[in-house]
Amino acid sequence: MSDKEIENTSENNKDSNNNIPYSNIGLLMDVSINVTVELGRAKLSIKDILGLGEGSIIELQKLAGEPIDLLVNGKLIAKGEVVVIDESFGVRITDIVDSVYTIANNKNNNNK
């Protein structure tokens, strides 16, 4: 198969919305990844940590009402707000982080 035929075959196997080859994407659909919802952070001394007990309150470095962070495998991908669904917590995504799109577009442009 010539380079031109390979290139044409590759182009025909791409999703028109994001130019990601979709012929192999099915292989990844069942792969589990870690999703973390980060409400906030706090920096405590060892003394303060050892003093924690039932009923202790830790003040977070995030204000009430500020968007929470949604991380996938430790990378920030979105911001959102906490919601309650029946008796469980959930996250309503309010903003996708631009770097997610930038990374995907850079990878696609480098493959051309």
PDB file of N, CA and C in Angstrom:
ATOM      1  N   MET A   1       0.854  -1.176   0.000  1.00  0.00           N
ATOM      2  CA  MET A   1       0.000   0.000   0.000  1.00  0.00           C
ATOM      3  C   MET A   1       0.897   1.235   0.000  1.00  0.00           C
ATOM      4  N   SER A   2       0.609   2.197  -0.853  1.00  0.00           N
ATOM      5  CA  SER A   2       1.440   3.400  -0.938  1.00  0.00           C
ATOM      6  C   SER A   2       1.126   4.346   0.215  1.00  0.00           C
ATOM      7  N   ASP A   3       2.051   5.312   0.426  1.00  0.00           N
ATOM      8  CA  ASP A   3       1.837   6.312   1.485  1.00  0.00           C
ATOM      9  C   ASP A   3       0.538   7.075   1.263  1.00  0.00           C
ATOM     10  N   LYS A   4       0.221   7.395   0.018  1.00  0.00           N
ATOM     11  CA  LYS A   4      -0.998   8.151  -0.294  1.00  0.00           C
ATOM     12  C   LYS A   4      -2.237   7.324   0.051  1.00  0.00           C
ATOM     13  N   GLU A   5      -2.209   6.000  -0.263  1.00  0.00           N
ATOM     14  CA  GLU A   5      -3.344   5.137   0.058  1.00  0.00           C
ATOM     15  C   GLU A   5      -3.531   5.015   1.562  1.00  0.00           C
ATOM     16  N   ILE A   6      -2.419   4.921   2.305  1.00  0.00           N
ATOM     17  CA  ILE A   6      -2.490   4.851   3.768  1.00  0.00           C
ATOM     18  C   ILE A   6      -3.089   6.132   4.328  1.00  0.00           C
ATOM     19  N   GLU A   7      -2.637   7.272   3.790  1.00  0.00           N
ATOM     20  CA  GLU A   7      -3.148   8.567   4.256  1.00  0.00           C
ATOM     21  C   GLU A   7      -4.641   8.673   3.986  1.00  0.00           C
ATOM     22  N   ASN A   8      -5.092   8.271   2.793  1.00  0.00           N
ATOM     23  CA  ASN A   8      -6.518   8.346   2.456  1.00  0.00           C
ATOM     24  C   ASN A   8      -7.337   7.419   3.342  1.00  0.00           C
ATOM     25  N   THR A   9      -6.846   6.212   3.606  1.00  0.00           N
ATOM     26  CA  THR A   9      -7.540   5.273   4.484  1.00  0.00           C
ATOM     27  C   THR A   9      -7.662   5.853   5.876  1.00  0.00           C
ATOM     28  N   SER A  10      -6.576   6.460   6.356  1.00  0.00           N
ATOM     29  CA  SER A  10      -6.562   7.072   7.686  1.00  0.00           C
ATOM     30  C   SER A  10      -7.562   8.214   7.763  1.00  0.00           C
ATOM     31  N   GLU A  11      -7.614   9.048   6.730  1.00  0.00           N
ATOM     32  CA  GLU A  11      -8.544  10.180   6.714  1.00  0.00           C
ATOM     33  C   GLU A  11      -9.986   9.704   6.717  1.00  0.00           C
ATOM     34  N   ASN A  12     -10.280   8.601   6.030  1.00  0.00           N
ATOM     35  CA  ASN A  12     -11.652   8.086   5.968  1.00  0.00           C
ATOM     36  C   ASN A  12     -12.098   7.488   7.286  1.00  0.00           C
ATOM     37  N   ASN A  13     -11.173   7.132   8.163  1.00  0.00           N
ATOM     38  CA  ASN A  13     -11.504   6.520   9.453  1.00  0.00           C
ATOM     39  C   ASN A  13     -11.498   7.519  10.590  1.00  0.00           C
ATOM     40  N   LYS A  14     -11.686   8.787  10.319  1.00  0.00           N
ATOM     41  CA  LYS A  14     -11.691   9.802  11.361  1.00  0.00           C
ATOM     42  C   LYS A  14     -13.092  10.336  11.577  1.00  0.00           C
ATOM     43  N   ASP A  15     -13.397  10.608  12.830  1.00  0.00           N
ATOM     44  CA  ASP A  15     -14.650  11.238  13.210  1.00  0.00           C
ATOM     45  C   ASP A  15     -14.621  12.666  12.679  1.00  0.00           C
ATOM     46  N   SER A  16     -15.663  13.096  11.986  1.00  0.00           N
ATOM     47  CA  SER A  16     -15.671  14.423  11.372  1.00  0.00           C
ATOM     48  C   SER A  16     -15.696  15.553  12.394  1.00  0.00           C
ATOM     49  N   ASN A  17     -16.144  15.293  13.619  1.00  0.00           N
ATOM     50  CA  ASN A  17     -16.228  16.362  14.620  1.00  0.00           C
ATOM     51  C   ASN A  17     -14.886  16.709  15.237  1.00  0.00           C
ATOM     52  N   ASN A  18     -14.012  15.727  15.457  1.00  0.00           N
ATOM     53  CA  ASN A  18     -12.772  16.041  16.166  1.00  0.00           C
ATOM     54  C   ASN A  18     -11.544  15.408  15.544  1.00  0.00           C
ATOM     55  N   ASN A  19     -11.678  14.827  14.371  1.00  0.00           N
ATOM     56  CA  ASN A  19     -10.558  14.248  13.624  1.00  0.00           C
ATOM     57  C   ASN A  19      -9.773  13.196  14.399  1.00  0.00           C
ATOM     58  N   ILE A  20     -10.399  12.521  15.330  1.00  0.00           N
ATOM     59  CA  ILE A  20      -9.763  11.431  16.047  1.00  0.00           C
ATOM     60  C   ILE A  20     -10.116  10.139  15.315  1.00  0.00           C
ATOM     61  N   PRO A  21      -9.112   9.290  15.022  1.00  0.00           N
ATOM     62  CA  PRO A  21      -9.446   8.027  14.357  1.00  0.00           C
ATOM     63  C   PRO A  21     -10.432   7.234  15.212  1.00  0.00           C
ATOM     64  N   TYR A  22     -11.584   6.878  14.661  1.00  0.00           N
ATOM     65  CA  TYR A  22     -12.599   6.191  15.450  1.00  0.00           C
ATOM     66  C   TYR A  22     -12.579   4.683  15.254  1.00  0.00           C
ATOM     67  N   SER A  23     -11.809   4.186  14.314  1.00  0.00           N
ATOM     68  CA  SER A  23     -11.806   2.740  14.093  1.00  0.00           C
ATOM     69  C   SER A  23     -11.239   1.990  15.290  1.00  0.00           C
ATOM     70  N   ASN A  24     -10.355   2.608  16.066  1.00  0.00           N
ATOM     71  CA  ASN A  24      -9.751   1.948  17.219  1.00  0.00           C
ATOM     72  C   ASN A  24     -10.303   2.446  18.553  1.00  0.00           C
ATOM     73  N   ILE A  25     -11.166   3.419  18.543  1.00  0.00           N
ATOM     74  CA  ILE A  25     -11.651   4.011  19.790  1.00  0.00           C
ATOM     75  C   ILE A  25     -12.452   2.999  20.603  1.00  0.00           C
ATOM     76  N   GLY A  26     -13.069   2.040  19.951  1.00  0.00           N
ATOM     77  CA  GLY A  26     -13.841   1.017  20.647  1.00  0.00           C
ATOM     78  C   GLY A  26     -12.999   0.204  21.603  1.00  0.00           C
ATOM     79  N   LEU A  27     -11.714   0.084  21.312  1.00  0.00           N
ATOM     80  CA  LEU A  27     -10.810  -0.653  22.192  1.00  0.00           C
ATOM     81  C   LEU A  27     -10.675   0.016  23.556  1.00  0.00           C
ATOM     82  N   LEU A  28     -10.919   1.308  23.620  1.00  0.00           N
ATOM     83  CA  LEU A  28     -10.723   2.067  24.856  1.00  0.00           C
ATOM     84  C   LEU A  28     -11.996   2.266  25.664  1.00  0.00           C
ATOM     85  N   MET A  29     -13.131   1.943  25.102  1.00  0.00           N
ATOM     86  CA  MET A  29     -14.401   2.260  25.746  1.00  0.00           C
ATOM     87  C   MET A  29     -14.603   1.594  27.104  1.00  0.00           C
ATOM     88  N   ASP A  30     -14.003   0.445  27.343  1.00  0.00           N
ATOM     89  CA  ASP A  30     -14.184  -0.251  28.616  1.00  0.00           C
ATOM     90  C   ASP A  30     -13.037  -0.016  29.588  1.00  0.00           C
ATOM     91  N   VAL A  31     -12.103   0.875  29.236  1.00  0.00           N
ATOM     92  CA  VAL A  31     -10.978   1.167  30.121  1.00  0.00           C
ATOM     93  C   VAL A  31     -11.454   2.088  31.237  1.00  0.00           C
ATOM     94  N   SER A  32     -11.153   1.710  32.467  1.00  0.00           N
ATOM     95  CA  SER A  32     -11.542   2.532  33.617  1.00  0.00           C
ATOM     96  C   SER A  32     -10.464   3.575  33.894  1.00  0.00           C
ATOM     97  N   ILE A  33     -10.910   4.767  34.241  1.00  0.00           N
ATOM     98  CA  ILE A  33      -9.991   5.832  34.644  1.00  0.00           C
ATOM     99  C   ILE A  33     -10.509   6.439  35.937  1.00  0.00           C
ATOM    100  N   ASN A  34      -9.607   7.030  36.697  1.00  0.00           N
ATOM    101  CA  ASN A  34      -9.992   7.634  37.972  1.00  0.00           C
ATOM    102  C   ASN A  34     -10.560   9.030  37.744  1.00  0.00           C
ATOM    103  N   VAL A  35     -11.723   9.272  38.301  1.00  0.00           N
ATOM    104  CA  VAL A  35     -12.346  10.598  38.261  1.00  0.00           C
ATOM    105  C   VAL A  35     -12.433  11.085  39.702  1.00  0.00           C
ATOM    106  N   THR A  36     -11.906  12.278  39.934  1.00  0.00           N
ATOM    107  CA  THR A  36     -11.888  12.862  41.270  1.00  0.00           C
ATOM    108  C   THR A  36     -12.627  14.184  41.237  1.00  0.00           C
ATOM    109  N   VAL A  37     -13.473  14.399  42.213  1.00  0.00           N
ATOM    110  CA  VAL A  37     -14.139  15.683  42.380  1.00  0.00           C
ATOM    111  C   VAL A  37     -13.513  16.336  43.602  1.00  0.00           C
ATOM    112  N   GLU A  38     -12.901  17.479  43.372  1.00  0.00           N
ATOM    113  CA  GLU A  38     -12.181  18.156  44.449  1.00  0.00           C
ATOM    114  C   GLU A  38     -12.971  19.363  44.933  1.00  0.00           C
ATOM    115  N   LEU A  39     -13.442  19.255  46.151  1.00  0.00           N
ATOM    116  CA  LEU A  39     -14.223  20.312  46.765  1.00  0.00           C
ATOM    117  C   LEU A  39     -13.325  21.462  47.213  1.00  0.00           C
ATOM    118  N   GLY A  40     -12.132  21.141  47.682  1.00  0.00           N
ATOM    119  CA  GLY A  40     -11.195  22.155  48.142  1.00  0.00           C
ATOM    120  C   GLY A  40      -9.984  21.508  48.767  1.00  0.00           C
ATOM    121  N   ARG A  41      -9.046  22.337  49.189  1.00  0.00           N
ATOM    122  CA  ARG A  41      -7.819  21.849  49.823  1.00  0.00           C
ATOM    123  C   ARG A  41      -7.533  22.672  51.068  1.00  0.00           C
ATOM    124  N   ALA A  42      -6.737  22.082  51.911  1.00  0.00           N
ATOM    125  CA  ALA A  42      -6.295  22.784  53.126  1.00  0.00           C
ATOM    126  C   ALA A  42      -4.860  22.358  53.408  1.00  0.00           C
ATOM    127  N   LYS A  43      -4.096  23.251  53.969  1.00  0.00           N
ATOM    128  CA  LYS A  43      -2.727  22.945  54.371  1.00  0.00           C
ATOM    129  C   LYS A  43      -2.690  23.005  55.894  1.00  0.00           C
ATOM    130  N   LEU A  44      -2.349  21.863  56.498  1.00  0.00           N
ATOM    131  CA  LEU A  44      -2.339  21.769  57.953  1.00  0.00           C
ATOM    132  C   LEU A  44      -0.969  21.318  58.433  1.00  0.00           C
ATOM    133  N   SER A  45      -0.611  21.755  59.597  1.00  0.00           N
ATOM    134  CA  SER A  45       0.623  21.279  60.213  1.00  0.00           C
ATOM    135  C   SER A  45       0.369  19.880  60.788  1.00  0.00           C
ATOM    136  N   ILE A  46       1.437  19.161  61.045  1.00  0.00           N
ATOM    137  CA  ILE A  46       1.302  17.832  61.648  1.00  0.00           C
ATOM    138  C   ILE A  46       0.600  17.942  62.994  1.00  0.00           C
ATOM    139  N   LYS A  47       0.918  19.003  63.734  1.00  0.00           N
ATOM    140  CA  LYS A  47       0.279  19.225  65.034  1.00  0.00           C
ATOM    141  C   LYS A  47      -1.239  19.337  64.880  1.00  0.00           C
ATOM    142  N   ASP A  48      -1.676  20.114  63.861  1.00  0.00           N
ATOM    143  CA  ASP A  48      -3.116  20.276  63.625  1.00  0.00           C
ATOM    144  C   ASP A  48      -3.771  18.968  63.205  1.00  0.00           C
ATOM    145  N   ILE A  49      -3.078  18.200  62.369  1.00  0.00           N
ATOM    146  CA  ILE A  49      -3.624  16.913  61.914  1.00  0.00           C
ATOM    147  C   ILE A  49      -3.775  15.951  63.090  1.00  0.00           C
ATOM    148  N   LEU A  50      -2.774  15.919  63.956  1.00  0.00           N
ATOM    149  CA  LEU A  50      -2.845  15.034  65.120  1.00  0.00           C
ATOM    150  C   LEU A  50      -3.934  15.469  66.092  1.00  0.00           C
ATOM    151  N   GLY A  51      -4.309  16.730  66.029  1.00  0.00           N
ATOM    152  CA  GLY A  51      -5.359  17.240  66.907  1.00  0.00           C
ATOM    153  C   GLY A  51      -6.767  17.039  66.367  1.00  0.00           C
ATOM    154  N   LEU A  52      -6.891  16.495  65.151  1.00  0.00           N
ATOM    155  CA  LEU A  52      -8.221  16.292  64.565  1.00  0.00           C
ATOM    156  C   LEU A  52      -8.954  15.171  65.289  1.00  0.00           C
ATOM    157  N   GLY A  53     -10.221  15.353  65.404  1.00  0.00           N
ATOM    158  CA  GLY A  53     -11.059  14.328  66.031  1.00  0.00           C
ATOM    159  C   GLY A  53     -12.460  14.420  65.474  1.00  0.00           C
ATOM    160  N   GLU A  54     -13.309  13.565  65.941  1.00  0.00           N
ATOM    161  CA  GLU A  54     -14.697  13.582  65.506  1.00  0.00           C
ATOM    162  C   GLU A  54     -15.294  14.948  65.820  1.00  0.00           C
ATOM    163  N   GLY A  55     -15.906  15.567  64.811  1.00  0.00           N
ATOM    164  CA  GLY A  55     -16.502  16.889  64.986  1.00  0.00           C
ATOM    165  C   GLY A  55     -15.567  18.029  64.607  1.00  0.00           C
ATOM    166  N   SER A  56     -14.295  17.728  64.352  1.00  0.00           N
ATOM    167  CA  SER A  56     -13.356  18.778  63.918  1.00  0.00           C
ATOM    168  C   SER A  56     -13.790  19.333  62.568  1.00  0.00           C
ATOM    169  N   ILE A  57     -13.512  20.597  62.369  1.00  0.00           N
ATOM    170  CA  ILE A  57     -13.839  21.255  61.105  1.00  0.00           C
ATOM    171  C   ILE A  57     -12.540  21.740  60.472  1.00  0.00           C
ATOM    172  N   ILE A  58     -12.375  21.453  59.186  1.00  0.00           N
ATOM    173  CA  ILE A  58     -11.209  21.909  58.438  1.00  0.00           C
ATOM    174  C   ILE A  58     -11.680  22.955  57.444  1.00  0.00           C
ATOM    175  N   GLU A  59     -11.111  24.145  57.525  1.00  0.00           N
ATOM    176  CA  GLU A  59     -11.463  25.216  56.598  1.00  0.00           C
ATOM    177  C   GLU A  59     -10.704  25.015  55.296  1.00  0.00           C
ATOM    178  N   LEU A  60     -11.444  25.003  54.193  1.00  0.00           N
ATOM    179  CA  LEU A  60     -10.848  24.798  52.876  1.00  0.00           C
ATOM    180  C   LEU A  60     -10.461  26.130  52.250  1.00  0.00           C
ATOM    181  N   GLN A  61      -9.533  26.072  51.303  1.00  0.00           N
ATOM    182  CA  GLN A  61      -9.052  27.281  50.631  1.00  0.00           C
ATOM    183  C   GLN A  61      -9.952  27.672  49.461  1.00  0.00           C
ATOM    184  N   LYS A  62     -11.173  27.235  49.476  1.00  0.00           N
ATOM    185  CA  LYS A  62     -12.119  27.562  48.419  1.00  0.00           C
ATOM    186  C   LYS A  62     -13.359  28.160  49.061  1.00  0.00           C
ATOM    187  N   LEU A  63     -13.882  29.197  48.462  1.00  0.00           N
ATOM    188  CA  LEU A  63     -15.059  29.869  49.008  1.00  0.00           C
ATOM    189  C   LEU A  63     -16.333  29.104  48.680  1.00  0.00           C
ATOM    190  N   ALA A  64     -17.317  29.226  49.533  1.00  0.00           N
ATOM    191  CA  ALA A  64     -18.625  28.629  49.274  1.00  0.00           C
ATOM    192  C   ALA A  64     -19.175  29.214  47.980  1.00  0.00           C
ATOM    193  N   GLY A  65     -19.693  28.368  47.118  1.00  0.00           N
ATOM    194  CA  GLY A  65     -20.250  28.838  45.850  1.00  0.00           C
ATOM    195  C   GLY A  65     -19.250  28.817  44.700  1.00  0.00           C
ATOM    196  N   GLU A  66     -17.960  28.679  45.010  1.00  0.00           N
ATOM    197  CA  GLU A  66     -16.955  28.590  43.945  1.00  0.00           C
ATOM    198  C   GLU A  66     -17.116  27.248  43.239  1.00  0.00           C
ATOM    199  N   PRO A  67     -16.815  27.207  41.920  1.00  0.00           N
ATOM    200  CA  PRO A  67     -16.899  25.928  41.212  1.00  0.00           C
ATOM    201  C   PRO A  67     -15.915  24.906  41.787  1.00  0.00           C
ATOM    202  N   ILE A  68     -16.320  23.650  41.748  1.00  0.00           N
ATOM    203  CA  ILE A  68     -15.430  22.578  42.186  1.00  0.00           C
ATOM    204  C   ILE A  68     -14.677  22.049  40.967  1.00  0.00           C
ATOM    205  N   ASP A  69     -13.581  21.344  41.207  1.00  0.00           N
ATOM    206  CA  ASP A  69     -12.736  20.840  40.129  1.00  0.00           C
ATOM    207  C   ASP A  69     -13.049  19.378  39.854  1.00  0.00           C
ATOM    208  N   LEU A  70     -13.092  19.019  38.579  1.00  0.00           N
ATOM    209  CA  LEU A  70     -13.262  17.640  38.143  1.00  0.00           C
ATOM    210  C   LEU A  70     -11.956  17.217  37.480  1.00  0.00           C
ATOM    211  N   LEU A  71     -11.321  16.209  38.065  1.00  0.00           N
ATOM    212  CA  LEU A  71     -10.033  15.741  37.566  1.00  0.00           C
ATOM    213  C   LEU A  71     -10.162  14.318  37.040  1.00  0.00           C
ATOM    214  N   VAL A  72      -9.500  14.035  35.938  1.00  0.00           N
ATOM    215  CA  VAL A  72      -9.427  12.689  35.388  1.00  0.00           C
ATOM    216  C   VAL A  72      -7.960  12.285  35.418  1.00  0.00           C
ATOM    217  N   ASN A  73      -7.688  11.212  36.150  1.00  0.00           N
ATOM    218  CA  ASN A  73      -6.310  10.757  36.363  1.00  0.00           C
ATOM    219  C   ASN A  73      -5.409  11.905  36.819  1.00  0.00           C
ATOM    220  N   GLY A  74      -5.952  12.772  37.675  1.00  0.00           N
ATOM    221  CA  GLY A  74      -5.172  13.852  38.258  1.00  0.00           C
ATOM    222  C   GLY A  74      -5.092  15.111  37.418  1.00  0.00           C
ATOM    223  N   LYS A  75      -5.650  15.123  36.214  1.00  0.00           N
ATOM    224  CA  LYS A  75      -5.624  16.295  35.343  1.00  0.00           C
ATOM    225  C   LYS A  75      -6.968  17.011  35.395  1.00  0.00           C
ATOM    226  N   LEU A  76      -6.919  18.329  35.602  1.00  0.00           N
ATOM    227  CA  LEU A  76      -8.141  19.128  35.619  1.00  0.00           C
ATOM    228  C   LEU A  76      -8.745  19.146  34.218  1.00  0.00           C
ATOM    229  N   ILE A  77     -10.005  18.707  34.106  1.00  0.00           N
ATOM    230  CA  ILE A  77     -10.665  18.719  32.800  1.00  0.00           C
ATOM    231  C   ILE A  77     -11.923  19.581  32.782  1.00  0.00           C
ATOM    232  N   ALA A  78     -12.494  19.836  33.973  1.00  0.00           N
ATOM    233  CA  ALA A  78     -13.747  20.590  33.992  1.00  0.00           C
ATOM    234  C   ALA A  78     -13.979  21.213  35.365  1.00  0.00           C
ATOM    235  N   LYS A  79     -14.898  22.160  35.395  1.00  0.00           N
ATOM    236  CA  LYS A  79     -15.368  22.787  36.627  1.00  0.00           C
ATOM    237  C   LYS A  79     -16.859  22.497  36.724  1.00  0.00           C
ATOM    238  N   GLY A  80     -17.370  22.482  37.939  1.00  0.00           N
ATOM    239  CA  GLY A  80     -18.780  22.185  38.089  1.00  0.00           C
ATOM    240  C   GLY A  80     -19.321  22.625  39.424  1.00  0.00           C
ATOM    241  N   GLU A  81     -20.565  22.225  39.673  1.00  0.00           N
ATOM    242  CA  GLU A  81     -21.220  22.551  40.933  1.00  0.00           C
ATOM    243  C   GLU A  81     -21.814  21.281  41.524  1.00  0.00           C
ATOM    244  N   VAL A  82     -21.839  21.233  42.833  1.00  0.00           N
ATOM    245  CA  VAL A  82     -22.376  20.066  43.532  1.00  0.00           C
ATOM    246  C   VAL A  82     -23.897  20.077  43.431  1.00  0.00           C
ATOM    247  N   VAL A  83     -24.450  18.907  43.125  1.00  0.00           N
ATOM    248  CA  VAL A  83     -25.899  18.735  43.086  1.00  0.00           C
ATOM    249  C   VAL A  83     -26.250  17.510  43.931  1.00  0.00           C
ATOM    250  N   VAL A  84     -27.499  17.428  44.337  1.00  0.00           N
ATOM    251  CA  VAL A  84     -27.974  16.263  45.074  1.00  0.00           C
ATOM    252  C   VAL A  84     -28.969  15.530  44.189  1.00  0.00           C
ATOM    253  N   ILE A  85     -28.714  14.231  44.009  1.00  0.00           N
ATOM    254  CA  ILE A  85     -29.575  13.381  43.197  1.00  0.00           C
ATOM    255  C   ILE A  85     -30.104  12.296  44.129  1.00  0.00           C
ATOM    256  N   ASP A  86     -31.396  12.337  44.417  1.00  0.00           N
ATOM    257  CA  ASP A  86     -31.987  11.472  45.436  1.00  0.00           C
ATOM    258  C   ASP A  86     -31.222  11.713  46.736  1.00  0.00           C
ATOM    259  N   GLU A  87     -30.474  10.736  47.222  1.00  0.00           N
ATOM    260  CA  GLU A  87     -29.713  10.938  48.453  1.00  0.00           C
ATOM    261  C   GLU A  87     -28.210  10.923  48.205  1.00  0.00           C
ATOM    262  N   SER A  88     -27.812  11.049  46.942  1.00  0.00           N
ATOM    263  CA  SER A  88     -26.389  11.021  46.590  1.00  0.00           C
ATOM    264  C   SER A  88     -25.946  12.380  46.066  1.00  0.00           C
ATOM    265  N   PHE A  89     -24.657  12.641  46.196  1.00  0.00           N
ATOM    266  CA  PHE A  89     -24.078  13.846  45.615  1.00  0.00           C
ATOM    267  C   PHE A  89     -23.707  13.579  44.165  1.00  0.00           C
ATOM    268  N   GLY A  90     -23.719  14.619  43.371  1.00  0.00           N
ATOM    269  CA  GLY A  90     -23.293  14.551  41.975  1.00  0.00           C
ATOM    270  C   GLY A  90     -22.651  15.861  41.592  1.00  0.00           C
ATOM    271  N   VAL A  91     -22.206  15.953  40.362  1.00  0.00           N
ATOM    272  CA  VAL A  91     -21.580  17.174  39.854  1.00  0.00           C
ATOM    273  C   VAL A  91     -22.235  17.551  38.536  1.00  0.00           C
ATOM    274  N   ARG A  92     -22.670  18.804  38.447  1.00  0.00           N
ATOM    275  CA  ARG A  92     -23.158  19.352  37.180  1.00  0.00           C
ATOM    276  C   ARG A  92     -21.986  20.104  36.565  1.00  0.00           C
ATOM    277  N   ILE A  93     -21.533  19.659  35.403  1.00  0.00           N
ATOM    278  CA  ILE A  93     -20.393  20.306  34.742  1.00  0.00           C
ATOM    279  C   ILE A  93     -20.856  21.641  34.179  1.00  0.00           C
ATOM    280  N   THR A  94     -20.127  22.674  34.541  1.00  0.00           N
ATOM    281  CA  THR A  94     -20.476  24.023  34.087  1.00  0.00           C
ATOM    282  C   THR A  94     -19.471  24.585  33.088  1.00  0.00           C
ATOM    283  N   ASP A  95     -18.266  24.004  33.068  1.00  0.00           N
ATOM    284  CA  ASP A  95     -17.229  24.534  32.181  1.00  0.00           C
ATOM    285  C   ASP A  95     -16.192  23.452  31.901  1.00  0.00           C
ATOM    286  N   ILE A  96     -15.901  23.229  30.625  1.00  0.00           N
ATOM    287  CA  ILE A  96     -14.821  22.328  30.237  1.00  0.00           C
ATOM    288  C   ILE A  96     -13.556  23.175  30.126  1.00  0.00           C
ATOM    289  N   VAL A  97     -12.479  22.708  30.727  1.00  0.00           N
ATOM    290  CA  VAL A  97     -11.224  23.463  30.730  1.00  0.00           C
ATOM    291  C   VAL A  97     -10.673  23.521  29.313  1.00  0.00           C
ATOM    292  N   ASP A  98     -10.258  24.718  28.890  1.00  0.00           N
ATOM    293  CA  ASP A  98      -9.759  24.931  27.531  1.00  0.00           C
ATOM    294  C   ASP A  98      -8.605  24.011  27.175  1.00  0.00           C
ATOM    295  N   SER A  99      -7.754  23.684  28.138  1.00  0.00           N
ATOM    296  CA  SER A  99      -6.581  22.872  27.831  1.00  0.00           C
ATOM    297  C   SER A  99      -6.964  21.490  27.321  1.00  0.00           C
ATOM    298  N   VAL A 100      -8.144  20.990  27.672  1.00  0.00           N
ATOM    299  CA  VAL A 100      -8.599  19.698  27.168  1.00  0.00           C
ATOM    300  C   VAL A 100      -8.745  19.783  25.654  1.00  0.00           C
ATOM    301  N   TYR A 101      -9.372  20.859  25.166  1.00  0.00           N
ATOM    302  CA  TYR A 101      -9.539  21.046  23.730  1.00  0.00           C
ATOM    303  C   TYR A 101      -8.203  21.335  23.063  1.00  0.00           C
ATOM    304  N   THR A 102      -7.369  22.137  23.715  1.00  0.00           N
ATOM    305  CA  THR A 102      -6.067  22.492  23.159  1.00  0.00           C
ATOM    306  C   THR A 102      -5.206  21.251  22.968  1.00  0.00           C
ATOM    307  N   ILE A 103      -5.160  20.387  23.965  1.00  0.00           N
ATOM    308  CA  ILE A 103      -4.362  19.161  23.876  1.00  0.00           C
ATOM    309  C   ILE A 103      -4.881  18.288  22.742  1.00  0.00           C
ATOM    310  N   ALA A 104      -6.198  18.100  22.656  1.00  0.00           N
ATOM    311  CA  ALA A 104      -6.768  17.259  21.601  1.00  0.00           C
ATOM    312  C   ALA A 104      -6.478  17.843  20.223  1.00  0.00           C
ATOM    313  N   ASN A 105      -6.616  19.152  20.071  1.00  0.00           N
ATOM    314  CA  ASN A 105      -6.364  19.779  18.774  1.00  0.00           C
ATOM    315  C   ASN A 105      -4.894  19.717  18.396  1.00  0.00           C
ATOM    316  N   ASN A 106      -3.994  19.918  19.362  1.00  0.00           N
ATOM    317  CA  ASN A 106      -2.559  19.843  19.070  1.00  0.00           C
ATOM    318  C   ASN A 106      -2.172  18.449  18.624  1.00  0.00           C
ATOM    319  N   LYS A 107      -2.700  17.422  19.272  1.00  0.00           N
ATOM    320  CA  LYS A 107      -2.395  16.050  18.871  1.00  0.00           C
ATOM    321  C   LYS A 107      -2.899  15.785  17.466  1.00  0.00           C
ATOM    322  N   ASN A 108      -4.099  16.276  17.142  1.00  0.00           N
ATOM    323  CA  ASN A 108      -4.649  16.061  15.804  1.00  0.00           C
ATOM    324  C   ASN A 108      -3.836  16.802  14.755  1.00  0.00           C
ATOM    325  N   ASN A 109      -3.414  18.023  15.040  1.00  0.00           N
ATOM    326  CA  ASN A 109      -2.634  18.804  14.083  1.00  0.00           C
ATOM    327  C   ASN A 109      -1.257  18.202  13.865  1.00  0.00           C
ATOM    328  N   ASN A 110      -0.662  17.615  14.910  1.00  0.00           N
ATOM    329  CA  ASN A 110       0.656  16.996  14.786  1.00  0.00           C
ATOM    330  C   ASN A 110       0.607  15.714  13.978  1.00  0.00           C
ATOM    331  N   ASN A 111      -0.568  15.074  13.915  1.00  0.00           N
ATOM    332  CA  ASN A 111      -0.699  13.826  13.170  1.00  0.00           C
ATOM    333  C   ASN A 111      -0.969  14.046  11.686  1.00  0.00           C
ATOM    334  N   LYS A 112      -1.148  15.270  11.270  1.00  0.00           N
ATOM    335  CA  LYS A 112      -1.465  15.555   9.858  1.00  0.00           C
ATOM    336  C   LYS A 112      -0.208  15.654   9.041  1.00  0.00           C
TER     337      LYS A 112
END
